Amino acid sequence: MKLLDGLVLRPLGSDFFVTGEGLSRIDFSKLVSMNATAAYLWKEVQDRDFTLEDLVEKLTGRYDVDAETARADAQKLLDSWRDAGLIVE
């Protein structure tokens, strides 16, 4: 899977928000916000193909978290990105 082209992650205080540049096919009435960890993952996979396991590896490599917890958290994040229409598979 891959993040859609034209999406930009922007900081706002301690959170991050996704905006689109020239993207009419995405419903931005539902604001997509992320914490610092989700933003870290976004930056790590932006502009390349990635899998759930790639996100798990990034989480376990950077944070003190076991693979099972990282996988559950990464799956929730992917589900939210998918529901918001931010990724293509």
N, C-alpha and C. Protein backbone atom coordinates (compact mmCIF):
# COMPACT_ATOMS: atom_id res chain seq x y z
N MET A 1 0.84 -1.17 0.00
CA MET A 1 0.00 0.00 0.00
C MET A 1 0.88 1.23 0.00
N LYS A 2 0.24 2.37 -0.26
CA LYS A 2 1.00 3.61 -0.36
C LYS A 2 0.09 4.76 0.03
N LEU A 3 0.67 5.81 0.61
CA LEU A 3 -0.09 7.03 0.88
C LEU A 3 -0.42 7.71 -0.43
N LEU A 4 -1.58 8.32 -0.51
CA LEU A 4 -1.96 9.04 -1.72
C LEU A 4 -1.00 10.18 -1.99
N ASP A 5 -0.72 10.43 -3.25
CA ASP A 5 0.09 11.58 -3.63
C ASP A 5 -0.68 12.86 -3.34
N GLY A 6 0.02 13.90 -3.00
CA GLY A 6 -0.60 15.20 -2.78
C GLY A 6 -0.99 15.47 -1.35
N LEU A 7 -0.79 14.50 -0.46
CA LEU A 7 -1.10 14.71 0.95
C LEU A 7 0.10 15.30 1.66
N VAL A 8 -0.16 16.24 2.55
CA VAL A 8 0.91 16.91 3.27
C VAL A 8 0.61 16.85 4.77
N LEU A 9 1.60 16.44 5.55
CA LEU A 9 1.48 16.39 7.00
C LEU A 9 1.97 17.71 7.56
N ARG A 10 1.09 18.38 8.33
CA ARG A 10 1.45 19.69 8.86
C ARG A 10 1.33 19.69 10.39
N PRO A 11 2.32 20.27 11.08
CA PRO A 11 2.25 20.35 12.53
C PRO A 11 1.31 21.47 12.98
N LEU A 12 0.64 21.25 14.10
CA LEU A 12 -0.18 22.27 14.72
C LEU A 12 -0.11 22.03 16.23
N GLY A 13 0.71 22.78 16.92
CA GLY A 13 0.95 22.52 18.33
C GLY A 13 1.67 21.20 18.48
N SER A 14 1.16 20.35 19.35
CA SER A 14 1.79 19.04 19.55
C SER A 14 1.17 17.95 18.68
N ASP A 15 0.20 18.32 17.84
CA ASP A 15 -0.45 17.37 16.94
C ASP A 15 -0.05 17.64 15.50
N PHE A 16 -0.46 16.76 14.63
CA PHE A 16 -0.20 16.89 13.20
C PHE A 16 -1.50 16.64 12.44
N PHE A 17 -1.67 17.33 11.32
CA PHE A 17 -2.87 17.20 10.51
C PHE A 17 -2.49 16.96 9.06
N VAL A 18 -3.32 16.18 8.38
CA VAL A 18 -3.11 15.90 6.97
C VAL A 18 -3.95 16.87 6.16
N THR A 19 -3.30 17.48 5.19
CA THR A 19 -4.01 18.34 4.25
C THR A 19 -3.75 17.84 2.84
N GLY A 20 -4.59 18.22 1.93
CA GLY A 20 -4.42 17.81 0.55
C GLY A 20 -4.20 19.01 -0.34
N GLU A 21 -3.34 18.83 -1.29
CA GLU A 21 -3.08 19.90 -2.25
C GLU A 21 -3.64 19.47 -3.59
N GLY A 22 -4.74 20.11 -3.99
CA GLY A 22 -5.36 19.80 -5.28
C GLY A 22 -6.07 18.45 -5.29
N LEU A 23 -6.55 18.01 -4.14
CA LEU A 23 -7.22 16.71 -4.07
C LEU A 23 -8.71 16.91 -3.84
N SER A 24 -9.50 16.75 -4.86
CA SER A 24 -10.94 16.93 -4.72
C SER A 24 -11.64 15.63 -4.34
N ARG A 25 -10.96 14.50 -4.45
CA ARG A 25 -11.62 13.21 -4.21
C ARG A 25 -11.63 12.80 -2.75
N ILE A 26 -11.02 13.59 -1.87
CA ILE A 26 -10.97 13.26 -0.45
C ILE A 26 -11.90 14.19 0.31
N ASP A 27 -12.68 13.62 1.21
CA ASP A 27 -13.60 14.39 2.04
C ASP A 27 -12.84 14.90 3.27
N PHE A 28 -12.41 16.15 3.24
CA PHE A 28 -11.67 16.71 4.35
C PHE A 28 -12.58 17.33 5.40
N SER A 29 -13.90 17.06 5.32
CA SER A 29 -14.78 17.53 6.39
C SER A 29 -14.53 16.73 7.67
N LYS A 30 -13.89 15.58 7.53
CA LYS A 30 -13.46 14.79 8.67
C LYS A 30 -11.97 15.03 8.82
N LEU A 31 -11.61 15.88 9.76
CA LEU A 31 -10.22 16.25 9.95
C LEU A 31 -9.40 15.05 10.41
N VAL A 32 -8.29 14.81 9.77
CA VAL A 32 -7.41 13.71 10.13
C VAL A 32 -6.27 14.28 10.95
N SER A 33 -6.24 13.91 12.24
CA SER A 33 -5.16 14.39 13.10
C SER A 33 -4.36 13.20 13.59
N MET A 34 -3.12 13.45 13.92
CA MET A 34 -2.21 12.39 14.38
C MET A 34 -1.37 12.89 15.53
N ASN A 35 -1.00 11.97 16.40
CA ASN A 35 -0.04 12.30 17.44
C ASN A 35 1.37 12.17 16.86
N ALA A 36 2.36 12.43 17.67
CA ALA A 36 3.75 12.42 17.20
C ALA A 36 4.18 11.05 16.68
N THR A 37 3.71 9.98 17.30
CA THR A 37 4.08 8.64 16.86
C THR A 37 3.50 8.33 15.49
N ALA A 38 2.22 8.64 15.30
CA ALA A 38 1.60 8.42 13.99
C ALA A 38 2.26 9.28 12.92
N ALA A 39 2.61 10.51 13.28
CA ALA A 39 3.29 11.40 12.33
C ALA A 39 4.67 10.84 11.97
N TYR A 40 5.36 10.26 12.94
CA TYR A 40 6.65 9.62 12.67
C TYR A 40 6.48 8.51 11.63
N LEU A 41 5.47 7.67 11.83
CA LEU A 41 5.23 6.58 10.88
C LEU A 41 4.88 7.13 9.50
N TRP A 42 4.05 8.16 9.46
CA TRP A 42 3.68 8.79 8.19
C TRP A 42 4.93 9.23 7.43
N LYS A 43 5.80 9.94 8.12
CA LYS A 43 7.03 10.44 7.49
C LYS A 43 7.92 9.29 7.01
N GLU A 44 7.95 8.20 7.75
CA GLU A 44 8.79 7.06 7.40
C GLU A 44 8.31 6.34 6.14
N VAL A 45 7.00 6.35 5.88
CA VAL A 45 6.48 5.60 4.73
C VAL A 45 6.03 6.49 3.58
N GLN A 46 6.10 7.80 3.77
CA GLN A 46 5.69 8.71 2.72
C GLN A 46 6.52 8.49 1.46
N ASP A 47 5.86 8.48 0.32
CA ASP A 47 6.50 8.34 -0.98
C ASP A 47 7.10 6.96 -1.24
N ARG A 48 6.61 5.92 -0.55
CA ARG A 48 7.08 4.56 -0.85
C ARG A 48 6.00 3.55 -0.48
N ASP A 49 6.09 2.38 -1.05
CA ASP A 49 5.18 1.29 -0.69
C ASP A 49 5.55 0.79 0.70
N PHE A 50 4.54 0.34 1.44
CA PHE A 50 4.78 -0.17 2.79
C PHE A 50 3.72 -1.20 3.16
N THR A 51 4.00 -1.95 4.20
CA THR A 51 3.08 -2.96 4.71
C THR A 51 2.85 -2.72 6.20
N LEU A 52 1.93 -3.45 6.75
CA LEU A 52 1.71 -3.42 8.19
C LEU A 52 2.99 -3.77 8.92
N GLU A 53 3.69 -4.78 8.42
CA GLU A 53 4.93 -5.21 9.08
C GLU A 53 6.01 -4.13 9.05
N ASP A 54 6.02 -3.31 8.01
CA ASP A 54 6.96 -2.18 7.98
C ASP A 54 6.68 -1.22 9.14
N LEU A 55 5.41 -0.95 9.39
CA LEU A 55 5.06 -0.07 10.50
C LEU A 55 5.44 -0.69 11.84
N VAL A 56 5.20 -1.99 11.97
CA VAL A 56 5.57 -2.70 13.21
C VAL A 56 7.07 -2.59 13.46
N GLU A 57 7.86 -2.81 12.42
CA GLU A 57 9.32 -2.71 12.55
C GLU A 57 9.75 -1.31 12.97
N LYS A 58 9.11 -0.29 12.39
CA LYS A 58 9.45 1.09 12.75
C LYS A 58 9.12 1.36 14.21
N LEU A 59 7.97 0.87 14.67
CA LEU A 59 7.57 1.09 16.06
C LEU A 59 8.49 0.37 17.04
N THR A 60 8.77 -0.89 16.78
CA THR A 60 9.61 -1.65 17.72
C THR A 60 11.06 -1.18 17.69
N GLY A 61 11.48 -0.63 16.56
CA GLY A 61 12.85 -0.13 16.46
C GLY A 61 13.06 1.19 17.16
N ARG A 62 12.00 1.97 17.29
CA ARG A 62 12.14 3.31 17.86
C ARG A 62 11.63 3.40 19.30
N TYR A 63 10.62 2.61 19.62
CA TYR A 63 9.98 2.71 20.93
C TYR A 63 10.14 1.41 21.71
N ASP A 64 10.01 1.51 23.00
CA ASP A 64 10.08 0.34 23.87
C ASP A 64 8.70 -0.32 23.90
N VAL A 65 8.40 -1.07 22.85
CA VAL A 65 7.10 -1.72 22.70
C VAL A 65 7.31 -3.10 22.10
N ASP A 66 6.52 -4.07 22.56
CA ASP A 66 6.64 -5.42 22.00
C ASP A 66 5.91 -5.48 20.65
N ALA A 67 6.26 -6.49 19.88
CA ALA A 67 5.73 -6.62 18.51
C ALA A 67 4.21 -6.77 18.49
N GLU A 68 3.65 -7.47 19.44
CA GLU A 68 2.20 -7.68 19.47
C GLU A 68 1.45 -6.36 19.67
N THR A 69 1.92 -5.56 20.62
CA THR A 69 1.31 -4.26 20.87
C THR A 69 1.52 -3.34 19.67
N ALA A 70 2.72 -3.34 19.12
CA ALA A 70 3.02 -2.51 17.95
C ALA A 70 2.13 -2.89 16.78
N ARG A 71 1.92 -4.18 16.57
CA ARG A 71 1.07 -4.64 15.46
C ARG A 71 -0.37 -4.18 15.64
N ALA A 72 -0.89 -4.29 16.86
CA ALA A 72 -2.26 -3.85 17.13
C ALA A 72 -2.40 -2.34 16.91
N ASP A 73 -1.43 -1.58 17.40
CA ASP A 73 -1.47 -0.13 17.23
C ASP A 73 -1.33 0.27 15.76
N ALA A 74 -0.42 -0.38 15.05
CA ALA A 74 -0.22 -0.08 13.63
C ALA A 74 -1.46 -0.43 12.82
N GLN A 75 -2.12 -1.52 13.17
CA GLN A 75 -3.35 -1.91 12.45
C GLN A 75 -4.44 -0.87 12.66
N LYS A 76 -4.59 -0.37 13.88
CA LYS A 76 -5.58 0.68 14.15
C LYS A 76 -5.27 1.93 13.33
N LEU A 77 -4.00 2.28 13.27
CA LEU A 77 -3.60 3.45 12.49
C LEU A 77 -3.90 3.25 11.01
N LEU A 78 -3.54 2.09 10.48
CA LEU A 78 -3.82 1.79 9.08
C LEU A 78 -5.32 1.82 8.80
N ASP A 79 -6.10 1.28 9.70
CA ASP A 79 -7.56 1.30 9.53
C ASP A 79 -8.08 2.73 9.47
N SER A 80 -7.53 3.60 10.32
CA SER A 80 -7.99 5.00 10.31
C SER A 80 -7.57 5.69 9.01
N TRP A 81 -6.35 5.43 8.54
CA TRP A 81 -5.91 6.01 7.26
C TRP A 81 -6.76 5.48 6.11
N ARG A 82 -7.07 4.20 6.15
CA ARG A 82 -7.88 3.57 5.10
C ARG A 82 -9.29 4.17 5.12
N ASP A 83 -9.89 4.29 6.31
CA ASP A 83 -11.24 4.85 6.43
C ASP A 83 -11.30 6.28 5.94
N ALA A 84 -10.23 7.03 6.13
CA ALA A 84 -10.19 8.42 5.68
C ALA A 84 -9.84 8.55 4.20
N GLY A 85 -9.51 7.42 3.54
CA GLY A 85 -9.19 7.45 2.12
C GLY A 85 -7.80 7.98 1.83
N LEU A 86 -6.87 7.80 2.78
CA LEU A 86 -5.52 8.35 2.61
C LEU A 86 -4.52 7.39 2.00
N ILE A 87 -4.90 6.13 1.84
CA ILE A 87 -3.96 5.15 1.28
C ILE A 87 -4.60 4.42 0.10
N VAL A 88 -3.74 3.94 -0.77
CA VAL A 88 -4.17 3.09 -1.88
C VAL A 88 -3.47 1.75 -1.72
N GLU A 89 -4.16 0.71 -2.11
CA GLU A 89 -3.58 -0.62 -1.94
C GLU A 89 -3.34 -1.28 -3.28
